[in-house]
């Protein structure tokens, strides 16, 4: 019974790390949007899609976001498969 409680604690810690990573990932996405489009209010889905796919800064946002997102995905993968030392 003690072994299952220790494993549950390790799983809870791993889930907490993944949640913190997700929140940091979302904050980074907001920061990237602000860096490329400025601190203006969100224009709506139609205009945002047009800005993203028809302007150079939109394509740069997609490229940068893909690279940064790939790094975060690698960290999430590494955290999810860390060996438990229970």
C-alpha atoms as a PDB file:
ATOM      1  CA  UNK A   1       0.000   0.000   0.000  1.00  0.00           C
ATOM      2  CA  UNK A   2       2.846   2.374   0.735  1.00  0.00           C
ATOM      3  CA  UNK A   3       4.365   1.774  -2.678  1.00  0.00           C
ATOM      4  CA  UNK A   4       1.197   2.881  -4.464  1.00  0.00           C
ATOM      5  CA  UNK A   5       1.018   6.066  -2.402  1.00  0.00           C
ATOM      6  CA  UNK A   6       4.614   6.916  -3.248  1.00  0.00           C
ATOM      7  CA  UNK A   7       3.935   6.281  -6.936  1.00  0.00           C
ATOM      8  CA  UNK A   8       0.834   8.454  -6.754  1.00  0.00           C
ATOM      9  CA  UNK A   9       2.886  11.282  -5.274  1.00  0.00           C
ATOM     10  CA  UNK A  10       5.434  11.010  -8.066  1.00  0.00           C
ATOM     11  CA  UNK A  11       2.671  11.021 -10.672  1.00  0.00           C
ATOM     12  CA  UNK A  12       1.109  14.074  -9.051  1.00  0.00           C
ATOM     13  CA  UNK A  13       4.449  15.893  -9.119  1.00  0.00           C
ATOM     14  CA  UNK A  14       4.901  15.006 -12.790  1.00  0.00           C
ATOM     15  CA  UNK A  15       1.390  16.237 -13.602  1.00  0.00           C
ATOM     16  CA  UNK A  16       2.137  19.472 -11.736  1.00  0.00           C
ATOM     17  CA  UNK A  17       5.303  20.010 -13.762  1.00  0.00           C
ATOM     18  CA  UNK A  18       3.373  19.425 -17.003  1.00  0.00           C
ATOM     19  CA  UNK A  19       0.701  21.909 -15.912  1.00  0.00           C
ATOM     20  CA  UNK A  20       3.335  24.551 -15.126  1.00  0.00           C
ATOM     21  CA  UNK A  21       4.950  23.907 -18.504  1.00  0.00           C
ATOM     22  CA  UNK A  22       1.582  24.313 -20.241  1.00  0.00           C
ATOM     23  CA  UNK A  23       0.917  27.639 -18.505  1.00  0.00           C
ATOM     24  CA  UNK A  24       4.406  28.878 -19.408  1.00  0.00           C
ATOM     25  CA  UNK A  25       3.853  27.700 -23.005  1.00  0.00           C
ATOM     26  CA  UNK A  26       0.607  29.677 -23.256  1.00  0.00           C
ATOM     27  CA  UNK A  27       2.261  32.775 -21.805  1.00  0.00           C
ATOM     28  CA  UNK A  28       5.093  32.452 -24.307  1.00  0.00           C
ATOM     29  CA  UNK A  29       2.560  32.261 -27.163  1.00  0.00           C
ATOM     30  CA  UNK A  30       0.961  35.493 -25.919  1.00  0.00           C
ATOM     31  CA  UNK A  31       4.380  37.127 -25.766  1.00  0.00           C
ATOM     32  CA  UNK A  32       5.223  36.041 -29.314  1.00  0.00           C
ATOM     33  CA  UNK A  33       1.926  37.438 -30.599  1.00  0.00           C
ATOM     34  CA  UNK A  34       2.622  40.739 -28.839  1.00  0.00           C
ATOM     35  CA  UNK A  35       6.163  40.871 -30.254  1.00  0.00           C
ATOM     36  CA  UNK A  36       4.989  40.410 -33.828  1.00  0.00           C
ATOM     37  CA  UNK A  37       1.654  42.269 -33.810  1.00  0.00           C
ATOM     38  CA  UNK A  38       2.086  44.756 -30.976  1.00  0.00           C
ATOM     39  CA  UNK A  39      -0.066  45.362 -27.936  1.00  0.00           C
ATOM     40  CA  UNK A  40      -3.301  45.947 -29.801  1.00  0.00           C
ATOM     41  CA  UNK A  41      -6.536  44.208 -28.955  1.00  0.00           C
ATOM     42  CA  UNK A  42      -7.417  40.956 -30.700  1.00  0.00           C
ATOM     43  CA  UNK A  43      -9.035  41.941 -34.022  1.00  0.00           C
ATOM     44  CA  UNK A  44     -11.271  38.891 -34.387  1.00  0.00           C
ATOM     45  CA  UNK A  45     -10.796  35.534 -36.062  1.00  0.00           C
ATOM     46  CA  UNK A  46     -11.186  36.654 -39.670  1.00  0.00           C
ATOM     47  CA  UNK A  47      -8.784  39.564 -39.495  1.00  0.00           C
ATOM     48  CA  UNK A  48      -6.305  37.622 -37.363  1.00  0.00           C
ATOM     49  CA  UNK A  49      -6.218  34.792 -39.917  1.00  0.00           C
ATOM     50  CA  UNK A  50      -5.781  37.269 -42.751  1.00  0.00           C
ATOM     51  CA  UNK A  51      -2.956  39.034 -40.880  1.00  0.00           C
ATOM     52  CA  UNK A  52      -1.283  35.732 -40.122  1.00  0.00           C
ATOM     53  CA  UNK A  53      -1.336  34.217 -43.591  1.00  0.00           C
ATOM     54  CA  UNK A  54      -0.981  37.276 -45.817  1.00  0.00           C
ATOM     55  CA  UNK A  55       1.709  39.353 -44.105  1.00  0.00           C
ATOM     56  CA  UNK A  56       5.413  38.797 -43.585  1.00  0.00           C
ATOM     57  CA  UNK A  57       5.155  39.305 -39.832  1.00  0.00           C
ATOM     58  CA  UNK A  58       2.388  36.694 -39.725  1.00  0.00           C
ATOM     59  CA  UNK A  59       4.592  34.137 -41.467  1.00  0.00           C
ATOM     60  CA  UNK A  60       7.462  35.014 -39.148  1.00  0.00           C
ATOM     61  CA  UNK A  61       5.136  34.477 -36.171  1.00  0.00           C
ATOM     62  CA  UNK A  62       4.181  31.052 -37.536  1.00  0.00           C
ATOM     63  CA  UNK A  63       7.809  30.072 -38.054  1.00  0.00           C
ATOM     64  CA  UNK A  64       8.969  31.320 -34.664  1.00  0.00           C
ATOM     65  CA  UNK A  65       5.947  29.833 -32.915  1.00  0.00           C
ATOM     66  CA  UNK A  66       6.592  26.477 -34.534  1.00  0.00           C
ATOM     67  CA  UNK A  67      10.220  26.468 -33.370  1.00  0.00           C
ATOM     68  CA  UNK A  68       9.398  27.575 -29.822  1.00  0.00           C
ATOM     69  CA  UNK A  69       6.463  25.163 -29.658  1.00  0.00           C
ATOM     70  CA  UNK A  70       8.736  22.323 -30.750  1.00  0.00           C
ATOM     71  CA  UNK A  71      11.071  23.095 -27.860  1.00  0.00           C
ATOM     72  CA  UNK A  72       8.186  23.076 -25.403  1.00  0.00           C
ATOM     73  CA  UNK A  73       6.899  19.796 -26.873  1.00  0.00           C
ATOM     74  CA  UNK A  74      10.350  18.279 -26.385  1.00  0.00           C
ATOM     75  CA  UNK A  75      10.376  19.366 -22.745  1.00  0.00           C
ATOM     76  CA  UNK A  76       6.870  17.958 -22.224  1.00  0.00           C
ATOM     77  CA  UNK A  77       7.928  14.662 -23.798  1.00  0.00           C
ATOM     78  CA  UNK A  78      10.993  14.504 -21.553  1.00  0.00           C
ATOM     79  CA  UNK A  79       8.956  15.249 -18.424  1.00  0.00           C
ATOM     80  CA  UNK A  80       6.288  12.695 -19.295  1.00  0.00           C
ATOM     81  CA  UNK A  81       8.855   9.921 -19.693  1.00  0.00           C
ATOM     82  CA  UNK A  82      11.090  10.689 -16.724  1.00  0.00           C
ATOM     83  CA  UNK A  83      11.754   7.510 -14.751  1.00  0.00           C
ATOM     84  CA  UNK A  84      10.169   7.402 -11.308  1.00  0.00           C
ATOM     85  CA  UNK A  85      12.641   6.847  -8.496  1.00  0.00           C
ATOM     86  CA  UNK A  86      10.123   5.364  -6.053  1.00  0.00           C
END
